[in-house]
């Protein structure tokens, strides 16, 4: 009875396939090396801060902050957080400058009439009683503070809000279309967000 030659033929084929697979390693997903911040003497910013490389611009954050999200071959992650707060960057329009939830509540006076009757209309030219308020609107969040600044000849709008225990600072531009948005949970920690914003720098190809 003759032996089946197929197992002997498969062995060198499998060995060759294994060798080819080992020589073609998957692309590296390791993050970029940490780059020191090139902006100094701006509030708390010093040489210990690190630079975040975004798409067409850079900014700096404390070196103790950690990334959330993946990095690419040329860009750093979009989300960073530390004990003082967090910051995200992106392209296009920024997210809402307010935290989730209502920013105002309205109340209205209600006139009750018996069933089956029609309330008397207000005569033409008659003003309502000024002592009776028809309704009120209570703002739950103060109006944002907006400050335009110029960075590397790019017009950037900085908007700051404080609402329901959350402080948000958003820097955004339309040309190039980008934003950097930070969040903190106290007015003191929100000062660090302002320091981060002033470290934004644009590349020459994006002006």
C-alpha atoms as a PDB file:
ATOM      1  CA  UNK A   1       0.000   0.000   0.000  1.00  0.00           C
ATOM      2  CA  UNK A   2       1.493   3.372  -1.065  1.00  0.00           C
ATOM      3  CA  UNK A   3       1.782   6.312   1.397  1.00  0.00           C
ATOM      4  CA  UNK A   4      -0.090   9.584   0.806  1.00  0.00           C
ATOM      5  CA  UNK A   5       2.572  12.154  -0.330  1.00  0.00           C
ATOM      6  CA  UNK A   6       0.427  15.231   0.553  1.00  0.00           C
ATOM      7  CA  UNK A   7       1.587  15.695   4.198  1.00  0.00           C
ATOM      8  CA  UNK A   8       5.204  15.767   3.043  1.00  0.00           C
ATOM      9  CA  UNK A   9       4.386  18.414   0.424  1.00  0.00           C
ATOM     10  CA  UNK A  10       2.401  20.593   2.872  1.00  0.00           C
ATOM     11  CA  UNK A  11       5.254  20.885   5.391  1.00  0.00           C
ATOM     12  CA  UNK A  12       7.596  23.057   3.255  1.00  0.00           C
ATOM     13  CA  UNK A  13       4.642  25.166   2.066  1.00  0.00           C
ATOM     14  CA  UNK A  14       3.558  25.930   5.654  1.00  0.00           C
ATOM     15  CA  UNK A  15       7.142  26.715   6.646  1.00  0.00           C
ATOM     16  CA  UNK A  16       7.458  29.231   3.795  1.00  0.00           C
ATOM     17  CA  UNK A  17       4.126  30.896   4.683  1.00  0.00           C
ATOM     18  CA  UNK A  18       5.203  31.248   8.311  1.00  0.00           C
ATOM     19  CA  UNK A  19       8.502  32.843   7.270  1.00  0.00           C
ATOM     20  CA  UNK A  20       6.696  35.394   5.039  1.00  0.00           C
ATOM     21  CA  UNK A  21       4.230  36.284   7.811  1.00  0.00           C
ATOM     22  CA  UNK A  22       7.078  36.944  10.253  1.00  0.00           C
ATOM     23  CA  UNK A  23       8.912  39.230   7.852  1.00  0.00           C
ATOM     24  CA  UNK A  24       5.780  41.435   7.324  1.00  0.00           C
ATOM     25  CA  UNK A  25       5.059  42.816  10.791  1.00  0.00           C
ATOM     26  CA  UNK A  26       1.909  44.953  11.313  1.00  0.00           C
ATOM     27  CA  UNK A  27       2.279  48.744  11.257  1.00  0.00           C
ATOM     28  CA  UNK A  28       3.289  50.344  14.520  1.00  0.00           C
ATOM     29  CA  UNK A  29       0.599  52.045  16.569  1.00  0.00           C
ATOM     30  CA  UNK A  30       3.009  53.439  19.167  1.00  0.00           C
ATOM     31  CA  UNK A  31       2.364  57.097  20.077  1.00  0.00           C
ATOM     32  CA  UNK A  32       4.687  59.864  19.003  1.00  0.00           C
ATOM     33  CA  UNK A  33       7.608  60.734  21.195  1.00  0.00           C
ATOM     34  CA  UNK A  34       6.857  63.479  23.706  1.00  0.00           C
ATOM     35  CA  UNK A  35       7.804  66.908  22.356  1.00  0.00           C
ATOM     36  CA  UNK A  36       8.563  69.679  24.851  1.00  0.00           C
ATOM     37  CA  UNK A  37       6.462  72.812  24.785  1.00  0.00           C
ATOM     38  CA  UNK A  38       8.055  75.587  22.746  1.00  0.00           C
ATOM     39  CA  UNK A  39       6.079  78.323  24.493  1.00  0.00           C
ATOM     40  CA  UNK A  40       7.448  79.549  27.811  1.00  0.00           C
ATOM     41  CA  UNK A  41       6.924  82.331  30.340  1.00  0.00           C
ATOM     42  CA  UNK A  42       3.122  82.276  29.855  1.00  0.00           C
ATOM     43  CA  UNK A  43       1.557  81.918  33.305  1.00  0.00           C
ATOM     44  CA  UNK A  44       2.228  78.401  34.589  1.00  0.00           C
ATOM     45  CA  UNK A  45       3.624  77.189  31.255  1.00  0.00           C
ATOM     46  CA  UNK A  46       7.261  76.078  31.506  1.00  0.00           C
ATOM     47  CA  UNK A  47       9.658  73.555  29.999  1.00  0.00           C
ATOM     48  CA  UNK A  48       7.965  70.691  31.861  1.00  0.00           C
ATOM     49  CA  UNK A  49       4.845  71.038  29.709  1.00  0.00           C
ATOM     50  CA  UNK A  50       4.486  68.907  26.590  1.00  0.00           C
ATOM     51  CA  UNK A  51       3.371  69.843  23.108  1.00  0.00           C
ATOM     52  CA  UNK A  52       0.252  68.334  21.524  1.00  0.00           C
ATOM     53  CA  UNK A  53       0.470  68.023  17.740  1.00  0.00           C
ATOM     54  CA  UNK A  54      -2.963  68.590  16.204  1.00  0.00           C
ATOM     55  CA  UNK A  55      -3.975  68.871  12.540  1.00  0.00           C
ATOM     56  CA  UNK A  56      -2.443  72.164  11.375  1.00  0.00           C
ATOM     57  CA  UNK A  57      -1.716  73.553  14.826  1.00  0.00           C
ATOM     58  CA  UNK A  58      -0.161  72.744  18.198  1.00  0.00           C
ATOM     59  CA  UNK A  59      -0.794  73.593  21.839  1.00  0.00           C
ATOM     60  CA  UNK A  60       0.699  72.672  25.193  1.00  0.00           C
ATOM     61  CA  UNK A  61      -0.571  70.838  28.277  1.00  0.00           C
ATOM     62  CA  UNK A  62       0.932  69.825  31.634  1.00  0.00           C
ATOM     63  CA  UNK A  63       3.209  66.820  31.333  1.00  0.00           C
ATOM     64  CA  UNK A  64       1.153  64.961  33.967  1.00  0.00           C
ATOM     65  CA  UNK A  65      -1.936  64.856  31.748  1.00  0.00           C
ATOM     66  CA  UNK A  66      -2.722  61.575  30.032  1.00  0.00           C
ATOM     67  CA  UNK A  67      -4.204  60.887  26.610  1.00  0.00           C
ATOM     68  CA  UNK A  68      -7.591  59.353  25.892  1.00  0.00           C
ATOM     69  CA  UNK A  69      -7.942  57.927  22.414  1.00  0.00           C
ATOM     70  CA  UNK A  70      -5.561  56.690  19.739  1.00  0.00           C
ATOM     71  CA  UNK A  71      -2.696  58.543  18.099  1.00  0.00           C
ATOM     72  CA  UNK A  72      -1.683  58.454  14.449  1.00  0.00           C
ATOM     73  CA  UNK A  73       1.711  58.536  12.790  1.00  0.00           C
ATOM     74  CA  UNK A  74       1.822  62.354  12.774  1.00  0.00           C
ATOM     75  CA  UNK A  75      -0.860  63.518  15.244  1.00  0.00           C
ATOM     76  CA  UNK A  76      -1.332  63.212  18.987  1.00  0.00           C
ATOM     77  CA  UNK A  77      -4.615  61.954  20.524  1.00  0.00           C
ATOM     78  CA  UNK A  78      -7.554  64.363  20.554  1.00  0.00           C
ATOM     79  CA  UNK A  79      -8.387  64.004  24.242  1.00  0.00           C
ATOM     80  CA  UNK A  80      -6.229  64.759  27.305  1.00  0.00           C
ATOM     81  CA  UNK A  81      -7.075  64.880  31.008  1.00  0.00           C
ATOM     82  CA  UNK A  82      -5.407  65.545  34.328  1.00  0.00           C
ATOM     83  CA  UNK A  83      -6.256  66.433  37.933  1.00  0.00           C
ATOM     84  CA  UNK A  84      -7.076  70.020  36.936  1.00  0.00           C
ATOM     85  CA  UNK A  85      -9.434  69.251  34.051  1.00  0.00           C
ATOM     86  CA  UNK A  86      -9.508  68.026  30.464  1.00  0.00           C
ATOM     87  CA  UNK A  87      -9.061  69.303  26.918  1.00  0.00           C
ATOM     88  CA  UNK A  88      -9.975  68.100  23.443  1.00  0.00           C
ATOM     89  CA  UNK A  89      -9.071  69.333  19.975  1.00  0.00           C
ATOM     90  CA  UNK A  90     -10.751  68.843  16.630  1.00  0.00           C
ATOM     91  CA  UNK A  91     -11.562  70.230  13.208  1.00  0.00           C
ATOM     92  CA  UNK A  92     -14.793  71.972  12.216  1.00  0.00           C
ATOM     93  CA  UNK A  93     -17.297  73.526  14.606  1.00  0.00           C
ATOM     94  CA  UNK A  94     -16.733  73.005  18.335  1.00  0.00           C
ATOM     95  CA  UNK A  95     -19.237  71.142  20.515  1.00  0.00           C
ATOM     96  CA  UNK A  96     -21.683  73.079  22.688  1.00  0.00           C
ATOM     97  CA  UNK A  97     -20.087  75.659  24.955  1.00  0.00           C
ATOM     98  CA  UNK A  98     -22.580  74.691  27.689  1.00  0.00           C
ATOM     99  CA  UNK A  99     -22.824  71.411  29.617  1.00  0.00           C
ATOM    100  CA  UNK A 100     -25.713  69.077  28.741  1.00  0.00           C
ATOM    101  CA  UNK A 101     -29.093  70.204  30.040  1.00  0.00           C
ATOM    102  CA  UNK A 102     -31.264  73.332  29.955  1.00  0.00           C
ATOM    103  CA  UNK A 103     -29.685  76.779  30.106  1.00  0.00           C
ATOM    104  CA  UNK A 104     -32.893  78.650  31.054  1.00  0.00           C
ATOM    105  CA  UNK A 105     -36.368  77.980  32.404  1.00  0.00           C
ATOM    106  CA  UNK A 106     -39.557  79.912  31.638  1.00  0.00           C
ATOM    107  CA  UNK A 107     -42.691  80.388  33.720  1.00  0.00           C
ATOM    108  CA  UNK A 108     -46.028  81.708  32.468  1.00  0.00           C
ATOM    109  CA  UNK A 109     -49.149  82.920  34.249  1.00  0.00           C
ATOM    110  CA  UNK A 110     -52.286  80.879  33.609  1.00  0.00           C
ATOM    111  CA  UNK A 111     -55.839  82.327  33.624  1.00  0.00           C
ATOM    112  CA  UNK A 112     -58.435  79.765  34.713  1.00  0.00           C
ATOM    113  CA  UNK A 113     -62.043  80.168  33.514  1.00  0.00           C
ATOM    114  CA  UNK A 114     -65.088  77.995  34.255  1.00  0.00           C
ATOM    115  CA  UNK A 115     -65.753  75.199  31.822  1.00  0.00           C
ATOM    116  CA  UNK A 116     -67.949  76.182  28.898  1.00  0.00           C
ATOM    117  CA  UNK A 117     -67.168  79.912  29.127  1.00  0.00           C
ATOM    118  CA  UNK A 118     -65.033  82.148  26.969  1.00  0.00           C
ATOM    119  CA  UNK A 119     -62.637  84.568  28.699  1.00  0.00           C
ATOM    120  CA  UNK A 120     -63.281  88.237  28.017  1.00  0.00           C
ATOM    121  CA  UNK A 121     -60.889  89.604  25.392  1.00  0.00           C
ATOM    122  CA  UNK A 122     -58.658  92.545  26.212  1.00  0.00           C
ATOM    123  CA  UNK A 123     -60.086  95.665  24.556  1.00  0.00           C
ATOM    124  CA  UNK A 124     -58.060  97.046  21.669  1.00  0.00           C
ATOM    125  CA  UNK A 125     -55.518  99.621  22.763  1.00  0.00           C
ATOM    126  CA  UNK A 126     -55.641  98.475  26.389  1.00  0.00           C
ATOM    127  CA  UNK A 127     -52.279  97.594  27.937  1.00  0.00           C
ATOM    128  CA  UNK A 128     -52.132  94.740  30.415  1.00  0.00           C
ATOM    129  CA  UNK A 129     -51.662  95.489  34.091  1.00  0.00           C
ATOM    130  CA  UNK A 130     -47.920  96.151  34.521  1.00  0.00           C
ATOM    131  CA  UNK A 131     -48.039  94.727  38.043  1.00  0.00           C
ATOM    132  CA  UNK A 132     -48.985  91.303  36.647  1.00  0.00           C
ATOM    133  CA  UNK A 133     -46.134  89.578  34.852  1.00  0.00           C
ATOM    134  CA  UNK A 134     -47.289  87.425  31.913  1.00  0.00           C
ATOM    135  CA  UNK A 135     -44.224  85.211  32.303  1.00  0.00           C
ATOM    136  CA  UNK A 136     -40.603  85.170  33.354  1.00  0.00           C
ATOM    137  CA  UNK A 137     -37.447  83.595  32.005  1.00  0.00           C
ATOM    138  CA  UNK A 138     -34.771  82.586  34.486  1.00  0.00           C
ATOM    139  CA  UNK A 139     -31.317  81.969  33.085  1.00  0.00           C
ATOM    140  CA  UNK A 140     -29.631  78.947  34.619  1.00  0.00           C
ATOM    141  CA  UNK A 141     -26.321  79.737  32.938  1.00  0.00           C
ATOM    142  CA  UNK A 142     -24.794  83.236  32.615  1.00  0.00           C
ATOM    143  CA  UNK A 143     -24.075  84.591  29.173  1.00  0.00           C
ATOM    144  CA  UNK A 144     -20.694  83.475  27.788  1.00  0.00           C
ATOM    145  CA  UNK A 145     -17.696  85.782  27.784  1.00  0.00           C
ATOM    146  CA  UNK A 146     -16.269  86.063  24.271  1.00  0.00           C
ATOM    147  CA  UNK A 147     -12.788  87.407  23.527  1.00  0.00           C
ATOM    148  CA  UNK A 148     -11.270  87.597  20.018  1.00  0.00           C
ATOM    149  CA  UNK A 149      -7.502  87.161  19.801  1.00  0.00           C
ATOM    150  CA  UNK A 150      -4.971  86.875  16.986  1.00  0.00           C
ATOM    151  CA  UNK A 151      -2.472  83.995  16.926  1.00  0.00           C
ATOM    152  CA  UNK A 152       0.027  83.748  14.074  1.00  0.00           C
ATOM    153  CA  UNK A 153      -2.240  85.999  11.974  1.00  0.00           C
ATOM    154  CA  UNK A 154      -5.198  83.668  12.586  1.00  0.00           C
ATOM    155  CA  UNK A 155      -8.327  85.152  14.159  1.00  0.00           C
ATOM    156  CA  UNK A 156      -9.339  82.967  17.106  1.00  0.00           C
ATOM    157  CA  UNK A 157     -12.466  83.426  19.239  1.00  0.00           C
ATOM    158  CA  UNK A 158     -12.208  82.376  22.883  1.00  0.00           C
ATOM    159  CA  UNK A 159     -15.501  81.697  24.675  1.00  0.00           C
ATOM    160  CA  UNK A 160     -15.709  81.063  28.430  1.00  0.00           C
ATOM    161  CA  UNK A 161     -18.769  79.798  30.291  1.00  0.00           C
ATOM    162  CA  UNK A 162     -19.600  78.666  33.835  1.00  0.00           C
ATOM    163  CA  UNK A 163     -22.749  76.645  34.311  1.00  0.00           C
ATOM    164  CA  UNK A 164     -23.880  74.125  36.948  1.00  0.00           C
ATOM    165  CA  UNK A 165     -20.408  73.655  38.389  1.00  0.00           C
ATOM    166  CA  UNK A 166     -18.669  73.221  35.030  1.00  0.00           C
ATOM    167  CA  UNK A 167     -16.276  75.782  33.551  1.00  0.00           C
ATOM    168  CA  UNK A 168     -15.671  75.499  29.790  1.00  0.00           C
ATOM    169  CA  UNK A 169     -13.203  77.437  27.662  1.00  0.00           C
ATOM    170  CA  UNK A 170     -13.391  77.071  23.884  1.00  0.00           C
ATOM    171  CA  UNK A 171     -10.989  78.529  21.331  1.00  0.00           C
ATOM    172  CA  UNK A 172     -12.126  78.185  17.734  1.00  0.00           C
ATOM    173  CA  UNK A 173     -11.405  79.520  14.283  1.00  0.00           C
ATOM    174  CA  UNK A 174     -13.074  79.286  10.889  1.00  0.00           C
ATOM    175  CA  UNK A 175      -9.887  79.679   8.813  1.00  0.00           C
ATOM    176  CA  UNK A 176      -8.497  77.151   9.475  1.00  0.00           C
ATOM    177  CA  UNK A 177     -11.580  75.423  10.851  1.00  0.00           C
ATOM    178  CA  UNK A 178     -10.474  74.089  14.247  1.00  0.00           C
ATOM    179  CA  UNK A 179     -11.130  74.212  17.967  1.00  0.00           C
ATOM    180  CA  UNK A 180      -9.598  73.473  21.348  1.00  0.00           C
ATOM    181  CA  UNK A 181     -12.071  73.022  24.221  1.00  0.00           C
ATOM    182  CA  UNK A 182     -11.234  72.585  27.890  1.00  0.00           C
ATOM    183  CA  UNK A 183     -13.324  71.733  30.949  1.00  0.00           C
ATOM    184  CA  UNK A 184     -12.707  72.255  34.670  1.00  0.00           C
ATOM    185  CA  UNK A 185     -14.795  72.020  37.834  1.00  0.00           C
ATOM    186  CA  UNK A 186     -13.736  75.204  39.617  1.00  0.00           C
ATOM    187  CA  UNK A 187     -12.889  78.775  38.713  1.00  0.00           C
ATOM    188  CA  UNK A 188      -9.345  78.313  40.010  1.00  0.00           C
ATOM    189  CA  UNK A 189      -8.712  75.252  37.864  1.00  0.00           C
ATOM    190  CA  UNK A 190     -10.274  76.997  34.874  1.00  0.00           C
ATOM    191  CA  UNK A 191      -7.327  79.413  34.901  1.00  0.00           C
ATOM    192  CA  UNK A 192      -5.181  76.560  33.633  1.00  0.00           C
ATOM    193  CA  UNK A 193      -7.477  76.247  30.599  1.00  0.00           C
ATOM    194  CA  UNK A 194      -6.705  79.857  29.683  1.00  0.00           C
ATOM    195  CA  UNK A 195      -2.987  79.100  29.892  1.00  0.00           C
ATOM    196  CA  UNK A 196      -3.461  76.149  27.529  1.00  0.00           C
ATOM    197  CA  UNK A 197      -5.364  78.301  25.032  1.00  0.00           C
ATOM    198  CA  UNK A 198      -2.617  80.920  24.745  1.00  0.00           C
ATOM    199  CA  UNK A 199      -0.098  78.232  23.758  1.00  0.00           C
ATOM    200  CA  UNK A 200      -1.939  77.505  20.479  1.00  0.00           C
ATOM    201  CA  UNK A 201       0.332  77.940  17.481  1.00  0.00           C
ATOM    202  CA  UNK A 202      -0.471  77.511  13.778  1.00  0.00           C
ATOM    203  CA  UNK A 203       1.736  76.089  11.047  1.00  0.00           C
ATOM    204  CA  UNK A 204       2.723  78.379   8.175  1.00  0.00           C
ATOM    205  CA  UNK A 205       0.770  76.225   5.720  1.00  0.00           C
ATOM    206  CA  UNK A 206      -2.494  76.930   7.526  1.00  0.00           C
ATOM    207  CA  UNK A 207      -2.420  80.737   7.554  1.00  0.00           C
END
